Amino acid sequence: MGKRSDFERIPRDFYPTPREAVLPLIPHLPEWFTYLEPCAGDGALINALPGSAICPSDIDPRGEGIMQRDALELTERQLSACDFIITNPPWDRKVLHPMIEHFSAMRPTWLLFDADWMHTKQSAPYMPWLRKVVSVGRVKWIPGSKMTGKDNCAWHLFDQNAEGDTVFVGRAA
């Protein structure tokens, strides 16, 4: 599933978001908020987050109440009632990078993916939009598995409509 393993990837990177991966994000969200979850899969992230998910969707929905929609076709009008976009997107850079660009132009966008990304040359075009990084560490993506993933993860907040330095938040004890 990662760059340091030989496990075959699950099609469309369908790895439901464990609650433990969501907990570090919660203190960085307002007490009440609305959000759109455009890569909702089976709804695991929605079930772990406070706030109100509006029209959750996925290109290949796997849960009740999740509509089928290509995330890259989202429009400002569809986001009119949302404060944020929050999702665990596919980590494939051919999909992730267009999502960063598209989403963060419309709303502050929290994305969960590998923390190493920000230390690579490919991240350079997107770094001016990166406002906050919240460390998560290694995540157990496969329920019942004895092992965690081999990549450290982080929540990345992108916003093309805000200025300022990037804030880094380390792991809590």
C-alpha atoms as a PDB file:
ATOM      1  CA  MET A   1       0.000   0.000   0.000  1.00  0.00           C
ATOM      2  CA  GLY A   2       2.925   2.352   0.553  1.00  0.00           C
ATOM      3  CA  LYS A   3       6.271   3.053  -1.042  1.00  0.00           C
ATOM      4  CA  ARG A   4       8.049   0.735   1.389  1.00  0.00           C
ATOM      5  CA  SER A   5       5.784  -2.288   1.189  1.00  0.00           C
ATOM      6  CA  ASP A   6       4.971  -4.924  -1.352  1.00  0.00           C
ATOM      7  CA  PHE A   7       1.289  -5.173  -0.462  1.00  0.00           C
ATOM      8  CA  GLU A   8      -0.966  -4.752  -3.452  1.00  0.00           C
ATOM      9  CA  ARG A   9      -2.865  -1.472  -3.311  1.00  0.00           C
ATOM     10  CA  ILE A  10      -6.621  -1.583  -2.896  1.00  0.00           C
ATOM     11  CA  PRO A  11      -8.355  -0.178  -6.012  1.00  0.00           C
ATOM     12  CA  ARG A  12      -9.034   3.594  -5.845  1.00  0.00           C
ATOM     13  CA  ASP A  13      -7.015   3.709  -2.591  1.00  0.00           C
ATOM     14  CA  PHE A  14     -10.053   2.693  -0.556  1.00  0.00           C
ATOM     15  CA  TYR A  15      -8.654   2.669   2.964  1.00  0.00           C
ATOM     16  CA  PRO A  16     -11.370   3.727   5.443  1.00  0.00           C
ATOM     17  CA  THR A  17     -10.148   6.410   7.826  1.00  0.00           C
ATOM     18  CA  PRO A  18      -9.653   5.010  11.336  1.00  0.00           C
ATOM     19  CA  ARG A  19     -11.001   7.122  14.198  1.00  0.00           C
ATOM     20  CA  GLU A  20      -7.501   7.282  15.705  1.00  0.00           C
ATOM     21  CA  ALA A  21      -6.307   9.179  12.611  1.00  0.00           C
ATOM     22  CA  VAL A  22      -9.105  11.744  12.999  1.00  0.00           C
ATOM     23  CA  LEU A  23      -8.609  12.538  16.697  1.00  0.00           C
ATOM     24  CA  PRO A  24      -5.512  14.774  16.208  1.00  0.00           C
ATOM     25  CA  LEU A  25      -7.502  16.987  13.809  1.00  0.00           C
ATOM     26  CA  ILE A  26     -10.465  17.701  16.095  1.00  0.00           C
ATOM     27  CA  PRO A  27      -8.758  20.327  18.326  1.00  0.00           C
ATOM     28  CA  HIS A  28      -7.958  22.352  15.182  1.00  0.00           C
ATOM     29  CA  LEU A  29     -11.581  22.659  14.113  1.00  0.00           C
ATOM     30  CA  PRO A  30     -14.172  25.106  15.431  1.00  0.00           C
ATOM     31  CA  GLU A  31     -16.737  23.898  17.948  1.00  0.00           C
ATOM     32  CA  TRP A  32     -19.408  23.944  15.232  1.00  0.00           C
ATOM     33  CA  PHE A  33     -18.711  23.683  11.504  1.00  0.00           C
ATOM     34  CA  THR A  34     -20.010  22.275   8.247  1.00  0.00           C
ATOM     35  CA  TYR A  35     -17.899  20.426   5.747  1.00  0.00           C
ATOM     36  CA  LEU A  36     -18.004  18.517   2.504  1.00  0.00           C
ATOM     37  CA  GLU A  37     -16.391  15.071   2.379  1.00  0.00           C
ATOM     38  CA  PRO A  38     -15.695  14.444  -1.344  1.00  0.00           C
ATOM     39  CA  CYS A  39     -13.850  11.099  -0.938  1.00  0.00           C
ATOM     40  CA  ALA A  40     -16.259   9.650   1.607  1.00  0.00           C
ATOM     41  CA  GLY A  41     -15.889   5.965   0.688  1.00  0.00           C
ATOM     42  CA  ASP A  42     -17.904   4.135   3.342  1.00  0.00           C
ATOM     43  CA  GLY A  43     -18.377   7.180   5.607  1.00  0.00           C
ATOM     44  CA  ALA A  44     -15.753   6.235   8.226  1.00  0.00           C
ATOM     45  CA  LEU A  45     -14.327   9.779   8.400  1.00  0.00           C
ATOM     46  CA  ILE A  46     -17.803  11.283   8.708  1.00  0.00           C
ATOM     47  CA  ASN A  47     -18.588   8.927  11.586  1.00  0.00           C
ATOM     48  CA  ALA A  48     -15.437  10.027  13.423  1.00  0.00           C
ATOM     49  CA  LEU A  49     -15.768  13.803  12.930  1.00  0.00           C
ATOM     50  CA  PRO A  50     -17.942  16.244  14.832  1.00  0.00           C
ATOM     51  CA  GLY A  51     -19.637  18.926  12.775  1.00  0.00           C
ATOM     52  CA  SER A  52     -22.076  18.412   9.998  1.00  0.00           C
ATOM     53  CA  ALA A  53     -21.184  16.691   6.736  1.00  0.00           C
ATOM     54  CA  ILE A  54     -23.100  18.159   3.819  1.00  0.00           C
ATOM     55  CA  CYS A  55     -23.719  16.004   0.733  1.00  0.00           C
ATOM     56  CA  PRO A  56     -20.887  13.485   1.234  1.00  0.00           C
ATOM     57  CA  SER A  57     -19.771  11.933  -2.020  1.00  0.00           C
ATOM     58  CA  ASP A  58     -17.278   9.591  -3.630  1.00  0.00           C
ATOM     59  CA  ILE A  59     -16.444   8.484  -7.150  1.00  0.00           C
ATOM     60  CA  ASP A  60     -17.225   4.941  -5.943  1.00  0.00           C
ATOM     61  CA  PRO A  61     -19.535   5.290  -2.895  1.00  0.00           C
ATOM     62  CA  ARG A  62     -19.533   2.391  -0.458  1.00  0.00           C
ATOM     63  CA  GLY A  63     -21.868   3.631   2.226  1.00  0.00           C
ATOM     64  CA  GLU A  64     -25.473   4.590   2.666  1.00  0.00           C
ATOM     65  CA  GLY A  65     -26.210   8.273   2.070  1.00  0.00           C
ATOM     66  CA  ILE A  66     -23.027   8.875   0.058  1.00  0.00           C
ATOM     67  CA  MET A  67     -23.738  10.151  -3.431  1.00  0.00           C
ATOM     68  CA  GLN A  68     -21.679   9.329  -6.508  1.00  0.00           C
ATOM     69  CA  ARG A  69     -19.674  12.316  -7.752  1.00  0.00           C
ATOM     70  CA  ASP A  70     -16.204  13.019  -9.099  1.00  0.00           C
ATOM     71  CA  ALA A  71     -14.531  15.248  -6.492  1.00  0.00           C
ATOM     72  CA  LEU A  72     -12.776  17.273  -9.177  1.00  0.00           C
ATOM     73  CA  GLU A  73     -16.141  18.362 -10.553  1.00  0.00           C
ATOM     74  CA  LEU A  74     -17.170  20.121  -7.315  1.00  0.00           C
ATOM     75  CA  THR A  75     -18.271  23.701  -7.802  1.00  0.00           C
ATOM     76  CA  GLU A  76     -18.394  26.733  -5.548  1.00  0.00           C
ATOM     77  CA  ARG A  77     -22.187  26.564  -5.674  1.00  0.00           C
ATOM     78  CA  GLN A  78     -22.180  23.008  -4.259  1.00  0.00           C
ATOM     79  CA  LEU A  79     -20.000  24.226  -1.393  1.00  0.00           C
ATOM     80  CA  SER A  80     -22.088  27.271  -0.501  1.00  0.00           C
ATOM     81  CA  ALA A  81     -23.133  25.846   2.891  1.00  0.00           C
ATOM     82  CA  CYS A  82     -19.697  24.449   3.807  1.00  0.00           C
ATOM     83  CA  ASP A  83     -16.979  25.928   5.987  1.00  0.00           C
ATOM     84  CA  PHE A  84     -14.368  23.332   5.001  1.00  0.00           C
ATOM     85  CA  ILE A  85     -13.533  20.436   2.743  1.00  0.00           C
ATOM     86  CA  ILE A  86     -12.220  17.556   4.873  1.00  0.00           C
ATOM     87  CA  THR A  87     -11.174  14.222   3.403  1.00  0.00           C
ATOM     88  CA  ASN A  88      -8.714  11.344   3.290  1.00  0.00           C
ATOM     89  CA  PRO A  89      -7.970  11.537  -0.451  1.00  0.00           C
ATOM     90  CA  PRO A  90      -6.223   9.036  -2.693  1.00  0.00           C
ATOM     91  CA  TRP A  91      -2.481   9.468  -2.182  1.00  0.00           C
ATOM     92  CA  ASP A  92      -1.663   8.934  -5.861  1.00  0.00           C
ATOM     93  CA  ARG A  93      -0.057  12.248  -6.824  1.00  0.00           C
ATOM     94  CA  LYS A  94      -1.869  12.341 -10.181  1.00  0.00           C
ATOM     95  CA  VAL A  95      -5.118  12.578  -8.180  1.00  0.00           C
ATOM     96  CA  LEU A  96      -3.918  14.286  -4.977  1.00  0.00           C
ATOM     97  CA  HIS A  97      -2.283  17.317  -6.592  1.00  0.00           C
ATOM     98  CA  PRO A  98      -5.305  18.326  -8.701  1.00  0.00           C
ATOM     99  CA  MET A  99      -7.473  17.908  -5.577  1.00  0.00           C
ATOM    100  CA  ILE A 100      -5.215  20.241  -3.573  1.00  0.00           C
ATOM    101  CA  GLU A 101      -5.412  22.859  -6.300  1.00  0.00           C
ATOM    102  CA  HIS A 102      -9.156  22.539  -6.933  1.00  0.00           C
ATOM    103  CA  PHE A 103     -10.386  22.264  -3.340  1.00  0.00           C
ATOM    104  CA  SER A 104      -8.154  24.889  -1.730  1.00  0.00           C
ATOM    105  CA  ALA A 105      -9.246  27.525  -4.243  1.00  0.00           C
ATOM    106  CA  MET A 106     -12.820  27.190  -2.948  1.00  0.00           C
ATOM    107  CA  ARG A 107     -12.564  26.400   0.783  1.00  0.00           C
ATOM    108  CA  PRO A 108      -9.998  25.779   3.498  1.00  0.00           C
ATOM    109  CA  THR A 109      -9.195  22.112   2.901  1.00  0.00           C
ATOM    110  CA  TRP A 110      -7.976  19.508   5.380  1.00  0.00           C
ATOM    111  CA  LEU A 111      -6.400  16.465   3.688  1.00  0.00           C
ATOM    112  CA  LEU A 112      -4.968  13.378   5.395  1.00  0.00           C
ATOM    113  CA  PHE A 113      -1.970  11.913   3.591  1.00  0.00           C
ATOM    114  CA  ASP A 114       1.693  11.008   4.038  1.00  0.00           C
ATOM    115  CA  ALA A 115       3.751  13.544   5.990  1.00  0.00           C
ATOM    116  CA  ASP A 116       6.846  12.974   3.842  1.00  0.00           C
ATOM    117  CA  TRP A 117       5.155  14.691   0.871  1.00  0.00           C
ATOM    118  CA  MET A 118       6.006  18.187   2.135  1.00  0.00           C
ATOM    119  CA  HIS A 119       9.724  17.344   2.045  1.00  0.00           C
ATOM    120  CA  THR A 120       9.765  16.537  -1.671  1.00  0.00           C
ATOM    121  CA  LYS A 121      10.283  18.749  -4.734  1.00  0.00           C
ATOM    122  CA  GLN A 122       6.830  17.818  -6.034  1.00  0.00           C
ATOM    123  CA  SER A 123       5.243  19.701  -3.114  1.00  0.00           C
ATOM    124  CA  ALA A 124       6.834  23.048  -4.064  1.00  0.00           C
ATOM    125  CA  PRO A 125       3.924  24.435  -6.156  1.00  0.00           C
ATOM    126  CA  TYR A 126       1.457  23.736  -3.317  1.00  0.00           C
ATOM    127  CA  MET A 127       3.507  24.884  -0.318  1.00  0.00           C
ATOM    128  CA  PRO A 128       2.380  28.554  -0.583  1.00  0.00           C
ATOM    129  CA  TRP A 129      -1.167  27.332   0.140  1.00  0.00           C
ATOM    130  CA  LEU A 130      -0.208  25.093   3.082  1.00  0.00           C
ATOM    131  CA  ARG A 131      -1.383  26.814   6.275  1.00  0.00           C
ATOM    132  CA  LYS A 132      -1.117  24.086   8.928  1.00  0.00           C
ATOM    133  CA  VAL A 133       0.241  20.571   9.351  1.00  0.00           C
ATOM    134  CA  VAL A 134      -1.026  18.379  12.188  1.00  0.00           C
ATOM    135  CA  SER A 135       1.082  15.261  12.768  1.00  0.00           C
ATOM    136  CA  VAL A 136      -0.749  11.957  13.124  1.00  0.00           C
ATOM    137  CA  GLY A 137       2.065   9.395  12.899  1.00  0.00           C
ATOM    138  CA  ARG A 138       1.590   5.902  11.563  1.00  0.00           C
ATOM    139  CA  VAL A 139      -1.951   4.721  10.983  1.00  0.00           C
ATOM    140  CA  LYS A 140      -3.377   1.195  11.141  1.00  0.00           C
ATOM    141  CA  TRP A 141      -5.290   1.223   7.836  1.00  0.00           C
ATOM    142  CA  ILE A 142      -6.270  -2.441   7.824  1.00  0.00           C
ATOM    143  CA  PRO A 143      -8.642  -3.279  10.731  1.00  0.00           C
ATOM    144  CA  GLY A 144      -7.506  -6.349  12.638  1.00  0.00           C
ATOM    145  CA  SER A 145      -3.972  -6.085  11.283  1.00  0.00           C
ATOM    146  CA  LYS A 146      -1.070  -6.328  13.700  1.00  0.00           C
ATOM    147  CA  MET A 147       0.836  -3.666  11.784  1.00  0.00           C
ATOM    148  CA  THR A 148       0.466   0.033  11.048  1.00  0.00           C
ATOM    149  CA  GLY A 149       1.271   1.609   7.714  1.00  0.00           C
ATOM    150  CA  LYS A 150       4.924   2.330   7.022  1.00  0.00           C
ATOM    151  CA  ASP A 151       4.399   6.034   6.276  1.00  0.00           C
ATOM    152  CA  ASN A 152       3.858   8.736   8.866  1.00  0.00           C
ATOM    153  CA  CYS A 153       0.698  10.716   8.168  1.00  0.00           C
ATOM    154  CA  ALA A 154      -0.436  14.255   8.801  1.00  0.00           C
ATOM    155  CA  TRP A 155      -3.462  16.439   8.294  1.00  0.00           C
ATOM    156  CA  HIS A 156      -2.575  19.218   5.833  1.00  0.00           C
ATOM    157  CA  LEU A 157      -4.645  22.419   5.739  1.00  0.00           C
ATOM    158  CA  PHE A 158      -4.531  24.136   2.347  1.00  0.00           C
ATOM    159  CA  ASP A 159      -6.122  27.514   1.626  1.00  0.00           C
ATOM    160  CA  GLN A 160      -5.362  29.624  -1.449  1.00  0.00           C
ATOM    161  CA  ASN A 161      -7.409  32.493  -0.028  1.00  0.00           C
ATOM    162  CA  ALA A 162      -5.372  33.043   3.141  1.00  0.00           C
ATOM    163  CA  GLU A 163      -1.863  34.258   3.789  1.00  0.00           C
ATOM    164  CA  GLY A 164       0.670  33.559   6.477  1.00  0.00           C
ATOM    165  CA  ASP A 165       3.300  31.123   7.587  1.00  0.00           C
ATOM    166  CA  THR A 166       2.709  27.405   7.789  1.00  0.00           C
ATOM    167  CA  VAL A 167       2.117  26.203  11.348  1.00  0.00           C
ATOM    168  CA  PHE A 168       3.432  22.755  12.312  1.00  0.00           C
ATOM    169  CA  VAL A 169       1.804  20.857  15.170  1.00  0.00           C
ATOM    170  CA  GLY A 170       3.706  17.851  16.501  1.00  0.00           C
ATOM    171  CA  ARG A 171       2.153  14.712  17.900  1.00  0.00           C
ATOM    172  CA  ALA A 172       0.525  14.859  21.285  1.00  0.00           C
ATOM    173  CA  ALA A 173       1.917  12.606  23.977  1.00  0.00           C
END
